[in-house]
């Protein structure tokens, strides 16, 4: 029973970690990309 609980907790932890990693990457891409897009549109 304890093993099942551990597996469930590990599964949830991995899912949360993946979501956080994707969110962090998306946030960094937006943070870096927005000034570049803004500068590119501003020059035109």
PDB file of N, CA and C in Angstrom:
ATOM      1  N   UNK A   1       0.841  -1.213   0.000  1.00  0.00           N
ATOM      2  CA  UNK A   1       0.000   0.000   0.000  1.00  0.00           C
ATOM      3  C   UNK A   1       0.873   1.259   0.000  1.00  0.00           C
ATOM      4  N   UNK A   2       1.912   1.223   0.825  1.00  0.00           N
ATOM      5  CA  UNK A   2       2.818   2.373   0.926  1.00  0.00           C
ATOM      6  C   UNK A   2       3.529   2.614  -0.400  1.00  0.00           C
ATOM      7  N   UNK A   3       3.826   1.524  -1.097  1.00  0.00           N
ATOM      8  CA  UNK A   3       4.486   1.644  -2.403  1.00  0.00           C
ATOM      9  C   UNK A   3       3.578   2.347  -3.410  1.00  0.00           C
ATOM     10  N   UNK A   4       2.292   2.026  -3.365  1.00  0.00           N
ATOM     11  CA  UNK A   4       1.324   2.658  -4.275  1.00  0.00           C
ATOM     12  C   UNK A   4       1.230   4.159  -4.009  1.00  0.00           C
ATOM     13  N   UNK A   5       1.212   4.526  -2.739  1.00  0.00           N
ATOM     14  CA  UNK A   5       1.168   5.944  -2.357  1.00  0.00           C
ATOM     15  C   UNK A   5       2.420   6.653  -2.853  1.00  0.00           C
ATOM     16  N   UNK A   6       3.576   6.010  -2.676  1.00  0.00           N
ATOM     17  CA  UNK A   6       4.849   6.586  -3.124  1.00  0.00           C
ATOM     18  C   UNK A   6       4.860   6.785  -4.635  1.00  0.00           C
ATOM     19  N   UNK A   7       4.352   5.785  -5.374  1.00  0.00           N
ATOM     20  CA  UNK A   7       4.283   5.875  -6.839  1.00  0.00           C
ATOM     21  C   UNK A   7       3.361   7.016  -7.257  1.00  0.00           C
ATOM     22  N   UNK A   8       2.217   7.140  -6.584  1.00  0.00           N
ATOM     23  CA  UNK A   8       1.257   8.199  -6.897  1.00  0.00           C
ATOM     24  C   UNK A   8       1.869   9.574  -6.648  1.00  0.00           C
ATOM     25  N   UNK A   9       2.549   9.723  -5.510  1.00  0.00           N
ATOM     26  CA  UNK A   9       3.197  10.992  -5.163  1.00  0.00           C
ATOM     27  C   UNK A   9       4.294  11.325  -6.170  1.00  0.00           C
ATOM     28  N   UNK A  10       5.089  10.321  -6.538  1.00  0.00           N
ATOM     29  CA  UNK A  10       6.156  10.523  -7.513  1.00  0.00           C
ATOM     30  C   UNK A  10       5.585  10.921  -8.871  1.00  0.00           C
ATOM     31  N   UNK A  11       4.475  10.279  -9.258  1.00  0.00           N
ATOM     32  CA  UNK A  11       3.816  10.575 -10.538  1.00  0.00           C
ATOM     33  C   UNK A  11       3.324  12.022 -10.579  1.00  0.00           C
ATOM     34  N   UNK A  12       2.661  12.448  -9.505  1.00  0.00           N
ATOM     35  CA  UNK A  12       2.170  13.825  -9.413  1.00  0.00           C
ATOM     36  C   UNK A  12       3.339  14.803  -9.426  1.00  0.00           C
ATOM     37  N   UNK A  13       4.398  14.480  -8.682  1.00  0.00           N
ATOM     38  CA  UNK A  13       5.575  15.345  -8.606  1.00  0.00           C
ATOM     39  C   UNK A  13       6.215  15.526  -9.973  1.00  0.00           C
ATOM     40  N   UNK A  14       6.327  14.419 -10.729  1.00  0.00           N
ATOM     41  CA  UNK A  14       6.915  14.476 -12.071  1.00  0.00           C
ATOM     42  C   UNK A  14       6.052  15.327 -12.996  1.00  0.00           C
ATOM     43  N   UNK A  15       4.725  15.146 -12.927  1.00  0.00           N
ATOM     44  CA  UNK A  15       3.816  15.934 -13.770  1.00  0.00           C
ATOM     45  C   UNK A  15       3.924  17.428 -13.460  1.00  0.00           C
ATOM     46  N   UNK A  16       3.953  17.766 -12.176  1.00  0.00           N
ATOM     47  CA  UNK A  16       4.080  19.164 -11.752  1.00  0.00           C
ATOM     48  C   UNK A  16       5.415  19.740 -12.218  1.00  0.00           C
ATOM     49  N   UNK A  17       6.477  18.947 -12.096  1.00  0.00           N
ATOM     50  CA  UNK A  17       7.808  19.397 -12.515  1.00  0.00           C
ATOM     51  C   UNK A  17       7.846  19.667 -14.016  1.00  0.00           C
ATOM     52  N   UNK A  18       7.202  18.795 -14.804  1.00  0.00           N
ATOM     53  CA  UNK A  18       7.157  18.973 -16.262  1.00  0.00           C
ATOM     54  C   UNK A  18       6.393  20.244 -16.618  1.00  0.00           C
ATOM     55  N   UNK A  19       5.240  20.445 -15.981  1.00  0.00           N
ATOM     56  CA  UNK A  19       4.430  21.640 -16.238  1.00  0.00           C
ATOM     57  C   UNK A  19       5.200  22.905 -15.866  1.00  0.00           C
ATOM     58  N   UNK A  20       5.870  22.879 -14.718  1.00  0.00           N
ATOM     59  CA  UNK A  20       6.664  24.033 -14.279  1.00  0.00           C
ATOM     60  C   UNK A  20       7.814  24.309 -15.244  1.00  0.00           C
ATOM     61  N   UNK A  21       8.453  23.251 -15.733  1.00  0.00           N
ATOM     62  CA  UNK A  21       9.556  23.413 -16.678  1.00  0.00           C
ATOM     63  C   UNK A  21       9.067  24.041 -17.981  1.00  0.00           C
ATOM     64  N   UNK A  22       7.923  23.562 -18.482  1.00  0.00           N
ATOM     65  CA  UNK A  22       7.343  24.118 -19.716  1.00  0.00           C
ATOM     66  C   UNK A  22       6.967  25.583 -19.508  1.00  0.00           C
ATOM     67  N   UNK A  23       6.360  25.883 -18.355  1.00  0.00           N
ATOM     68  CA  UNK A  23       5.963  27.254 -18.037  1.00  0.00           C
ATOM     69  C   UNK A  23       7.191  28.162 -17.936  1.00  0.00           C
ATOM     70  N   UNK A  24       8.256  27.665 -17.316  1.00  0.00           N
ATOM     71  CA  UNK A  24       9.486  28.442 -17.168  1.00  0.00           C
ATOM     72  C   UNK A  24      10.111  28.736 -18.529  1.00  0.00           C
ATOM     73  N   UNK A  25      10.148  27.729 -19.401  1.00  0.00           N
ATOM     74  CA  UNK A  25      10.700  27.911 -20.748  1.00  0.00           C
ATOM     75  C   UNK A  25       9.869  28.915 -21.533  1.00  0.00           C
ATOM     76  N   UNK A  26       8.538  28.783 -21.461  1.00  0.00           N
ATOM     77  CA  UNK A  26       7.644  29.705 -22.166  1.00  0.00           C
ATOM     78  C   UNK A  26       7.835  31.131 -21.650  1.00  0.00           C
ATOM     79  N   UNK A  27       7.988  31.279 -20.327  1.00  0.00           N
ATOM     80  CA  UNK A  27       8.176  32.596 -19.716  1.00  0.00           C
ATOM     81  C   UNK A  27       9.479  33.235 -20.186  1.00  0.00           C
ATOM     82  N   UNK A  28      10.556  32.443 -20.213  1.00  0.00           N
ATOM     83  CA  UNK A  28      11.860  32.951 -20.661  1.00  0.00           C
ATOM     84  C   UNK A  28      11.811  33.338 -22.134  1.00  0.00           C
ATOM     85  N   UNK A  29      11.158  32.495 -22.952  1.00  0.00           N
ATOM     86  CA  UNK A  29      11.032  32.788 -24.386  1.00  0.00           C
ATOM     87  C   UNK A  29      10.269  34.091 -24.598  1.00  0.00           C
ATOM     88  N   UNK A  30       9.177  34.272 -23.853  1.00  0.00           N
ATOM     89  CA  UNK A  30       8.401  35.515 -23.955  1.00  0.00           C
ATOM     90  C   UNK A  30       9.241  36.706 -23.500  1.00  0.00           C
ATOM     91  N   UNK A  31       9.952  36.534 -22.388  1.00  0.00           N
ATOM     92  CA  UNK A  31      10.756  37.614 -21.820  1.00  0.00           C
ATOM     93  C   UNK A  31      11.849  38.048 -22.793  1.00  0.00           C
ATOM     94  N   UNK A  32      12.476  37.078 -23.460  1.00  0.00           N
ATOM     95  CA  UNK A  32      13.550  37.378 -24.409  1.00  0.00           C
ATOM     96  C   UNK A  32      12.977  37.816 -25.757  1.00  0.00           C
ATOM     97  N   UNK A  33      11.886  37.182 -26.183  1.00  0.00           N
ATOM     98  CA  UNK A  33      11.310  37.419 -27.509  1.00  0.00           C
ATOM     99  C   UNK A  33      10.587  38.742 -27.649  1.00  0.00           C
ATOM    100  N   UNK A  34       9.884  39.176 -26.617  1.00  0.00           N
ATOM    101  CA  UNK A  34       9.085  40.400 -26.709  1.00  0.00           C
ATOM    102  C   UNK A  34       9.910  41.640 -27.047  1.00  0.00           C
ATOM    103  N   UNK A  35      11.027  41.901 -26.359  1.00  0.00           N
ATOM    104  CA  UNK A  35      11.839  43.075 -26.729  1.00  0.00           C
ATOM    105  C   UNK A  35      12.369  43.004 -28.159  1.00  0.00           C
ATOM    106  N   UNK A  36      12.714  41.782 -28.612  1.00  0.00           N
ATOM    107  CA  UNK A  36      13.223  41.604 -29.979  1.00  0.00           C
ATOM    108  C   UNK A  36      12.124  41.913 -30.996  1.00  0.00           C
ATOM    109  N   UNK A  37      10.923  41.380 -30.754  1.00  0.00           N
ATOM    110  CA  UNK A  37       9.783  41.640 -31.647  1.00  0.00           C
ATOM    111  C   UNK A  37       9.439  43.131 -31.627  1.00  0.00           C
ATOM    112  N   UNK A  38       9.448  43.716 -30.434  1.00  0.00           N
ATOM    113  CA  UNK A  38       9.121  45.137 -30.289  1.00  0.00           C
ATOM    114  C   UNK A  38      10.138  46.004 -31.028  1.00  0.00           C
ATOM    115  N   UNK A  39      11.419  45.654 -30.904  1.00  0.00           N
ATOM    116  CA  UNK A  39      12.484  46.405 -31.578  1.00  0.00           C
ATOM    117  C   UNK A  39      12.367  46.256 -33.091  1.00  0.00           C
ATOM    118  N   UNK A  40      12.034  45.061 -33.546  1.00  0.00           N
ATOM    119  CA  UNK A  40      11.907  44.801 -34.986  1.00  0.00           C
ATOM    120  C   UNK A  40      10.748  45.600 -35.574  1.00  0.00           C
ATOM    121  N   UNK A  41       9.624  45.644 -34.859  1.00  0.00           N
ATOM    122  CA  UNK A  41       8.466  46.391 -35.356  1.00  0.00           C
ATOM    123  C   UNK A  41       8.704  47.894 -35.227  1.00  0.00           C
ATOM    124  N   UNK A  42       9.478  48.306 -34.212  1.00  0.00           N
ATOM    125  CA  UNK A  42       9.718  49.734 -33.977  1.00  0.00           C
ATOM    126  C   UNK A  42      10.579  50.328 -35.097  1.00  0.00           C
ATOM    127  N   UNK A  43      11.538  49.511 -35.637  1.00  0.00           N
ATOM    128  CA  UNK A  43      12.427  50.002 -36.696  1.00  0.00           C
ATOM    129  C   UNK A  43      11.658  50.289 -37.982  1.00  0.00           C
ATOM    130  N   UNK A  44      10.651  49.473 -38.274  1.00  0.00           N
ATOM    131  CA  UNK A  44       9.829  49.699 -39.461  1.00  0.00           C
ATOM    132  C   UNK A  44       8.934  50.892 -39.211  1.00  0.00           C
TER     133      UNK A  44
END
